[in-house]
Amino acid sequence: MWILALGATLLTAAAPARAVSPPEPPKGLSAPPQATPMPVFELPVVNGTKARSTDLRDKVTVIRFWATW
């Protein structure tokens, strides 16, 4: 009886270690392509000024494009 209790304890203790191990990487996948710099552009702003990509260098930027079609 104590052997069953010992076995159950060991299995319970080993389960978290198995769940924490990192998954195997999928086969056949390659690394993403190398990042390229943002192209230079200039866009009109609602207040009449221009937004330039050079003004955004070294800043986190989200550009949202939308249309009313």
PDB file of N, CA and C in Angstrom:
ATOM      1  N   MET A   1       0.820  -1.183   0.000  1.00  0.00           N
ATOM      2  CA  MET A   1       0.000   0.000   0.000  1.00  0.00           C
ATOM      3  C   MET A   1       0.869   1.253   0.000  1.00  0.00           C
ATOM      4  N   TRP A   2       1.930   1.247   0.790  1.00  0.00           N
ATOM      5  CA  TRP A   2       2.783   2.426   0.838  1.00  0.00           C
ATOM      6  C   TRP A   2       3.507   2.646  -0.483  1.00  0.00           C
ATOM      7  N   ILE A   3       3.721   1.572  -1.254  1.00  0.00           N
ATOM      8  CA  ILE A   3       4.359   1.706  -2.570  1.00  0.00           C
ATOM      9  C   ILE A   3       3.440   2.484  -3.518  1.00  0.00           C
ATOM     10  N   LEU A   4       2.138   2.215  -3.456  1.00  0.00           N
ATOM     11  CA  LEU A   4       1.191   2.960  -4.289  1.00  0.00           C
ATOM     12  C   LEU A   4       1.163   4.436  -3.895  1.00  0.00           C
ATOM     13  N   ALA A   5       1.197   4.699  -2.606  1.00  0.00           N
ATOM     14  CA  ALA A   5       1.209   6.086  -2.139  1.00  0.00           C
ATOM     15  C   ALA A   5       2.489   6.798  -2.582  1.00  0.00           C
ATOM     16  N   LEU A   6       3.614   6.104  -2.515  1.00  0.00           N
ATOM     17  CA  LEU A   6       4.882   6.682  -2.953  1.00  0.00           C
ATOM     18  C   LEU A   6       4.859   6.947  -4.458  1.00  0.00           C
ATOM     19  N   GLY A   7       4.336   6.001  -5.226  1.00  0.00           N
ATOM     20  CA  GLY A   7       4.238   6.179  -6.681  1.00  0.00           C
ATOM     21  C   GLY A   7       3.339   7.348  -7.052  1.00  0.00           C
ATOM     22  N   ALA A   8       2.199   7.468  -6.379  1.00  0.00           N
ATOM     23  CA  ALA A   8       1.285   8.579  -6.649  1.00  0.00           C
ATOM     24  C   ALA A   8       1.937   9.912  -6.291  1.00  0.00           C
ATOM     25  N   THR A   9       2.685   9.936  -5.198  1.00  0.00           N
ATOM     26  CA  THR A   9       3.372  11.164  -4.793  1.00  0.00           C
ATOM     27  C   THR A   9       4.428  11.558  -5.816  1.00  0.00           C
ATOM     28  N   LEU A  10       5.197  10.592  -6.296  1.00  0.00           N
ATOM     29  CA  LEU A  10       6.236  10.884  -7.284  1.00  0.00           C
ATOM     30  C   LEU A  10       5.631  11.364  -8.603  1.00  0.00           C
ATOM     31  N   LEU A  11       4.544  10.750  -9.037  1.00  0.00           N
ATOM     32  CA  LEU A  11       3.889  11.186 -10.274  1.00  0.00           C
ATOM     33  C   LEU A  11       3.318  12.590 -10.136  1.00  0.00           C
ATOM     34  N   THR A  12       2.751  12.874  -8.987  1.00  0.00           N
ATOM     35  CA  THR A  12       2.195  14.204  -8.747  1.00  0.00           C
ATOM     36  C   THR A  12       3.304  15.252  -8.703  1.00  0.00           C
ATOM     37  N   ALA A  13       4.428  14.918  -8.120  1.00  0.00           N
ATOM     38  CA  ALA A  13       5.545  15.861  -8.025  1.00  0.00           C
ATOM     39  C   ALA A  13       6.199  16.084  -9.384  1.00  0.00           C
ATOM     40  N   ALA A  14       6.203  15.076 -10.248  1.00  0.00           N
ATOM     41  CA  ALA A  14       6.848  15.196 -11.557  1.00  0.00           C
ATOM     42  C   ALA A  14       5.972  15.912 -12.576  1.00  0.00           C
ATOM     43  N   ALA A  15       4.676  15.977 -12.370  1.00  0.00           N
ATOM     44  CA  ALA A  15       3.767  16.586 -13.347  1.00  0.00           C
ATOM     45  C   ALA A  15       4.054  18.068 -13.589  1.00  0.00           C
ATOM     46  N   PRO A  16       4.259  18.903 -12.558  1.00  0.00           N
ATOM     47  CA  PRO A  16       4.546  20.316 -12.828  1.00  0.00           C
ATOM     48  C   PRO A  16       5.844  20.526 -13.601  1.00  0.00           C
ATOM     49  N   ALA A  17       6.859  19.724 -13.344  1.00  0.00           N
ATOM     50  CA  ALA A  17       8.117  19.863 -14.069  1.00  0.00           C
ATOM     51  C   ALA A  17       7.913  19.590 -15.551  1.00  0.00           C
ATOM     52  N   ARG A  18       7.062  18.687 -15.870  1.00  0.00           N
ATOM     53  CA  ARG A  18       6.782  18.360 -17.261  1.00  0.00           C
ATOM     54  C   ARG A  18       5.984  19.477 -17.921  1.00  0.00           C
ATOM     55  N   ALA A  19       5.086  20.107 -17.197  1.00  0.00           N
ATOM     56  CA  ALA A  19       4.252  21.166 -17.753  1.00  0.00           C
ATOM     57  C   ALA A  19       5.045  22.448 -17.981  1.00  0.00           C
ATOM     58  N   VAL A  20       6.133  22.674 -17.243  1.00  0.00           N
ATOM     59  CA  VAL A  20       6.907  23.906 -17.341  1.00  0.00           C
ATOM     60  C   VAL A  20       7.926  23.854 -18.472  1.00  0.00           C
ATOM     61  N   SER A  21       8.306  22.686 -18.930  1.00  0.00           N
ATOM     62  CA  SER A  21       9.333  22.592 -19.958  1.00  0.00           C
ATOM     63  C   SER A  21       8.853  23.251 -21.254  1.00  0.00           C
ATOM     64  N   PRO A  22       9.753  23.942 -21.973  1.00  0.00           N
ATOM     65  CA  PRO A  22       9.346  24.638 -23.197  1.00  0.00           C
ATOM     66  C   PRO A  22       8.954  23.656 -24.294  1.00  0.00           C
ATOM     67  N   PRO A  23       8.014  24.039 -25.138  1.00  0.00           N
ATOM     68  CA  PRO A  23       7.586  23.139 -26.208  1.00  0.00           C
ATOM     69  C   PRO A  23       8.649  23.037 -27.296  1.00  0.00           C
ATOM     70  N   GLU A  24       8.605  21.959 -28.026  1.00  0.00           N
ATOM     71  CA  GLU A  24       9.520  21.761 -29.150  1.00  0.00           C
ATOM     72  C   GLU A  24       9.153  22.744 -30.262  1.00  0.00           C
ATOM     73  N   PRO A  25      10.138  23.365 -30.910  1.00  0.00           N
ATOM     74  CA  PRO A  25       9.799  24.260 -32.020  1.00  0.00           C
ATOM     75  C   PRO A  25       9.269  23.455 -33.206  1.00  0.00           C
ATOM     76  N   PRO A  26       8.298  23.997 -33.933  1.00  0.00           N
ATOM     77  CA  PRO A  26       7.760  23.281 -35.088  1.00  0.00           C
ATOM     78  C   PRO A  26       8.836  23.081 -36.150  1.00  0.00           C
ATOM     79  N   LYS A  27       8.800  21.959 -36.796  1.00  0.00           N
ATOM     80  CA  LYS A  27       9.782  21.655 -37.831  1.00  0.00           C
ATOM     81  C   LYS A  27       9.368  22.316 -39.146  1.00  0.00           C
ATOM     82  N   GLY A  28      10.332  22.734 -39.934  1.00  0.00           N
ATOM     83  CA  GLY A  28      10.061  23.314 -41.239  1.00  0.00           C
ATOM     84  C   GLY A  28       9.839  24.816 -41.230  1.00  0.00           C
ATOM     85  N   LEU A  29       9.951  25.461 -40.073  1.00  0.00           N
ATOM     86  CA  LEU A  29       9.778  26.913 -40.020  1.00  0.00           C
ATOM     87  C   LEU A  29      11.144  27.588 -39.979  1.00  0.00           C
ATOM     88  N   SER A  30      11.235  28.754 -40.590  1.00  0.00           N
ATOM     89  CA  SER A  30      12.486  29.498 -40.564  1.00  0.00           C
ATOM     90  C   SER A  30      12.304  30.782 -39.767  1.00  0.00           C
ATOM     91  N   ALA A  31      13.392  31.449 -39.507  1.00  0.00           N
ATOM     92  CA  ALA A  31      13.348  32.703 -38.758  1.00  0.00           C
ATOM     93  C   ALA A  31      12.666  33.780 -39.598  1.00  0.00           C
ATOM     94  N   PRO A  32      12.044  34.759 -38.959  1.00  0.00           N
ATOM     95  CA  PRO A  32      11.419  35.843 -39.724  1.00  0.00           C
ATOM     96  C   PRO A  32      12.477  36.650 -40.468  1.00  0.00           C
ATOM     97  N   PRO A  33      12.094  37.335 -41.537  1.00  0.00           N
ATOM     98  CA  PRO A  33      13.074  38.111 -42.300  1.00  0.00           C
ATOM     99  C   PRO A  33      13.636  39.274 -41.478  1.00  0.00           C
ATOM    100  N   GLN A  34      14.794  39.725 -41.874  1.00  0.00           N
ATOM    101  CA  GLN A  34      15.448  40.837 -41.185  1.00  0.00           C
ATOM    102  C   GLN A  34      14.605  42.101 -41.334  1.00  0.00           C
ATOM    103  N   ALA A  35      14.490  42.870 -40.272  1.00  0.00           N
ATOM    104  CA  ALA A  35      13.705  44.105 -40.301  1.00  0.00           C
ATOM    105  C   ALA A  35      14.377  45.138 -41.202  1.00  0.00           C
ATOM    106  N   THR A  36      13.565  45.934 -41.868  1.00  0.00           N
ATOM    107  CA  THR A  36      14.077  47.000 -42.719  1.00  0.00           C
ATOM    108  C   THR A  36      13.570  48.338 -42.196  1.00  0.00           C
ATOM    109  N   PRO A  37      14.296  49.409 -42.444  1.00  0.00           N
ATOM    110  CA  PRO A  37      13.849  50.718 -41.967  1.00  0.00           C
ATOM    111  C   PRO A  37      12.576  51.169 -42.680  1.00  0.00           C
ATOM    112  N   MET A  38      11.825  52.013 -42.007  1.00  0.00           N
ATOM    113  CA  MET A  38      10.600  52.561 -42.578  1.00  0.00           C
ATOM    114  C   MET A  38      10.965  53.479 -43.748  1.00  0.00           C
ATOM    115  N   PRO A  39      10.226  53.403 -44.854  1.00  0.00           N
ATOM    116  CA  PRO A  39      10.523  54.300 -45.977  1.00  0.00           C
ATOM    117  C   PRO A  39      10.190  55.751 -45.622  1.00  0.00           C
ATOM    118  N   VAL A  40      10.853  56.661 -46.286  1.00  0.00           N
ATOM    119  CA  VAL A  40      10.607  58.085 -46.063  1.00  0.00           C
ATOM    120  C   VAL A  40       9.296  58.464 -46.743  1.00  0.00           C
ATOM    121  N   PHE A  41       8.413  59.158 -46.006  1.00  0.00           N
ATOM    122  CA  PHE A  41       7.149  59.616 -46.583  1.00  0.00           C
ATOM    123  C   PHE A  41       6.719  60.912 -45.923  1.00  0.00           C
ATOM    124  N   GLU A  42       5.768  61.559 -46.559  1.00  0.00           N
ATOM    125  CA  GLU A  42       5.206  62.808 -46.050  1.00  0.00           C
ATOM    126  C   GLU A  42       3.707  62.774 -46.313  1.00  0.00           C
ATOM    127  N   LEU A  43       2.905  63.020 -45.267  1.00  0.00           N
ATOM    128  CA  LEU A  43       1.448  62.970 -45.385  1.00  0.00           C
ATOM    129  C   LEU A  43       0.837  64.267 -44.869  1.00  0.00           C
ATOM    130  N   PRO A  44      -0.261  64.714 -45.489  1.00  0.00           N
ATOM    131  CA  PRO A  44      -0.925  65.915 -44.978  1.00  0.00           C
ATOM    132  C   PRO A  44      -1.669  65.608 -43.679  1.00  0.00           C
ATOM    133  N   VAL A  45      -1.671  66.570 -42.766  1.00  0.00           N
ATOM    134  CA  VAL A  45      -2.367  66.456 -41.491  1.00  0.00           C
ATOM    135  C   VAL A  45      -3.583  67.370 -41.545  1.00  0.00           C
ATOM    136  N   VAL A  46      -4.589  67.088 -40.741  1.00  0.00           N
ATOM    137  CA  VAL A  46      -5.846  67.835 -40.749  1.00  0.00           C
ATOM    138  C   VAL A  46      -5.625  69.330 -40.532  1.00  0.00           C
ATOM    139  N   ASN A  47      -4.663  69.708 -39.703  1.00  0.00           N
ATOM    140  CA  ASN A  47      -4.443  71.130 -39.414  1.00  0.00           C
ATOM    141  C   ASN A  47      -3.646  71.855 -40.499  1.00  0.00           C
ATOM    142  N   GLY A  48      -3.350  71.185 -41.619  1.00  0.00           N
ATOM    143  CA  GLY A  48      -2.670  71.820 -42.740  1.00  0.00           C
ATOM    144  C   GLY A  48      -1.172  71.601 -42.785  1.00  0.00           C
ATOM    145  N   THR A  49      -0.582  71.059 -41.731  1.00  0.00           N
ATOM    146  CA  THR A  49       0.856  70.793 -41.733  1.00  0.00           C
ATOM    147  C   THR A  49       1.123  69.444 -42.389  1.00  0.00           C
ATOM    148  N   LYS A  50       2.388  69.061 -42.429  1.00  0.00           N
ATOM    149  CA  LYS A  50       2.775  67.775 -43.007  1.00  0.00           C
ATOM    150  C   LYS A  50       3.368  66.883 -41.919  1.00  0.00           C
ATOM    151  N   ALA A  51       3.025  65.620 -41.948  1.00  0.00           N
ATOM    152  CA  ALA A  51       3.630  64.626 -41.057  1.00  0.00           C
ATOM    153  C   ALA A  51       4.710  63.909 -41.852  1.00  0.00           C
ATOM    154  N   ARG A  52       5.927  63.935 -41.348  1.00  0.00           N
ATOM    155  CA  ARG A  52       7.057  63.322 -42.054  1.00  0.00           C
ATOM    156  C   ARG A  52       7.554  62.111 -41.271  1.00  0.00           C
ATOM    157  N   SER A  53       7.937  61.087 -42.003  1.00  0.00           N
ATOM    158  CA  SER A  53       8.456  59.885 -41.346  1.00  0.00           C
ATOM    159  C   SER A  53       9.771  60.166 -40.635  1.00  0.00           C
ATOM    160  N   THR A  54      10.515  61.139 -41.101  1.00  0.00           N
ATOM    161  CA  THR A  54      11.785  61.463 -40.442  1.00  0.00           C
ATOM    162  C   THR A  54      11.555  62.043 -39.049  1.00  0.00           C
ATOM    163  N   ASP A  55      10.389  62.656 -38.804  1.00  0.00           N
ATOM    164  CA  ASP A  55      10.068  63.180 -37.474  1.00  0.00           C
ATOM    165  C   ASP A  55       9.733  62.060 -36.487  1.00  0.00           C
ATOM    166  N   LEU A  56       9.466  60.869 -36.989  1.00  0.00           N
ATOM    167  CA  LEU A  56       9.050  59.750 -36.144  1.00  0.00           C
ATOM    168  C   LEU A  56      10.196  58.809 -35.784  1.00  0.00           C
ATOM    169  N   ARG A  57      11.396  59.089 -36.264  1.00  0.00           N
ATOM    170  CA  ARG A  57      12.525  58.192 -35.993  1.00  0.00           C
ATOM    171  C   ARG A  57      12.739  58.015 -34.497  1.00  0.00           C
ATOM    172  N   ASP A  58      13.053  56.781 -34.115  1.00  0.00           N
ATOM    173  CA  ASP A  58      13.336  56.400 -32.722  1.00  0.00           C
ATOM    174  C   ASP A  58      12.148  56.610 -31.793  1.00  0.00           C
ATOM    175  N   LYS A  59      10.936  56.625 -32.339  1.00  0.00           N
ATOM    176  CA  LYS A  59       9.717  56.727 -31.537  1.00  0.00           C
ATOM    177  C   LYS A  59       8.802  55.563 -31.903  1.00  0.00           C
ATOM    178  N   VAL A  60       8.092  55.040 -30.919  1.00  0.00           N
ATOM    179  CA  VAL A  60       7.099  54.003 -31.188  1.00  0.00           C
ATOM    180  C   VAL A  60       5.924  54.685 -31.868  1.00  0.00           C
ATOM    181  N   THR A  61       5.525  54.177 -33.036  1.00  0.00           N
ATOM    182  CA  THR A  61       4.501  54.838 -33.836  1.00  0.00           C
ATOM    183  C   THR A  61       3.491  53.827 -34.340  1.00  0.00           C
ATOM    184  N   VAL A  62       2.222  54.165 -34.249  1.00  0.00           N
ATOM    185  CA  VAL A  62       1.155  53.358 -34.834  1.00  0.00           C
ATOM    186  C   VAL A  62       0.493  54.215 -35.896  1.00  0.00           C
ATOM    187  N   ILE A  63       0.472  53.717 -37.121  1.00  0.00           N
ATOM    188  CA  ILE A  63      -0.176  54.436 -38.216  1.00  0.00           C
ATOM    189  C   ILE A  63      -1.426  53.660 -38.580  1.00  0.00           C
ATOM    190  N   ARG A  64      -2.550  54.320 -38.516  1.00  0.00           N
ATOM    191  CA  ARG A  64      -3.831  53.662 -38.797  1.00  0.00           C
ATOM    192  C   ARG A  64      -4.394  54.226 -40.097  1.00  0.00           C
ATOM    193  N   PHE A  65      -4.551  53.357 -41.073  1.00  0.00           N
ATOM    194  CA  PHE A  65      -5.139  53.746 -42.350  1.00  0.00           C
ATOM    195  C   PHE A  65      -6.602  53.336 -42.349  1.00  0.00           C
ATOM    196  N   TRP A  66      -7.481  54.196 -42.813  1.00  0.00           N
ATOM    197  CA  TRP A  66      -8.893  53.865 -42.886  1.00  0.00           C
ATOM    198  C   TRP A  66      -9.504  54.604 -44.065  1.00  0.00           C
ATOM    199  N   ALA A  67     -10.645  54.147 -44.483  1.00  0.00           N
ATOM    200  CA  ALA A  67     -11.347  54.773 -45.606  1.00  0.00           C
ATOM    201  C   ALA A  67     -12.841  54.745 -45.324  1.00  0.00           C
ATOM    202  N   THR A  68     -13.582  55.609 -45.993  1.00  0.00           N
ATOM    203  CA  THR A  68     -15.032  55.693 -45.777  1.00  0.00           C
ATOM    204  C   THR A  68     -15.794  55.106 -46.954  1.00  0.00           C
ATOM    205  N   TRP A  69     -15.307  54.122 -47.578  1.00  0.00           N
ATOM    206  CA  TRP A  69     -15.975  53.528 -48.715  1.00  0.00           C
ATOM    207  C   TRP A  69     -17.071  52.697 -48.232  1.00  0.00           C
TER     208      TRP A  69
END
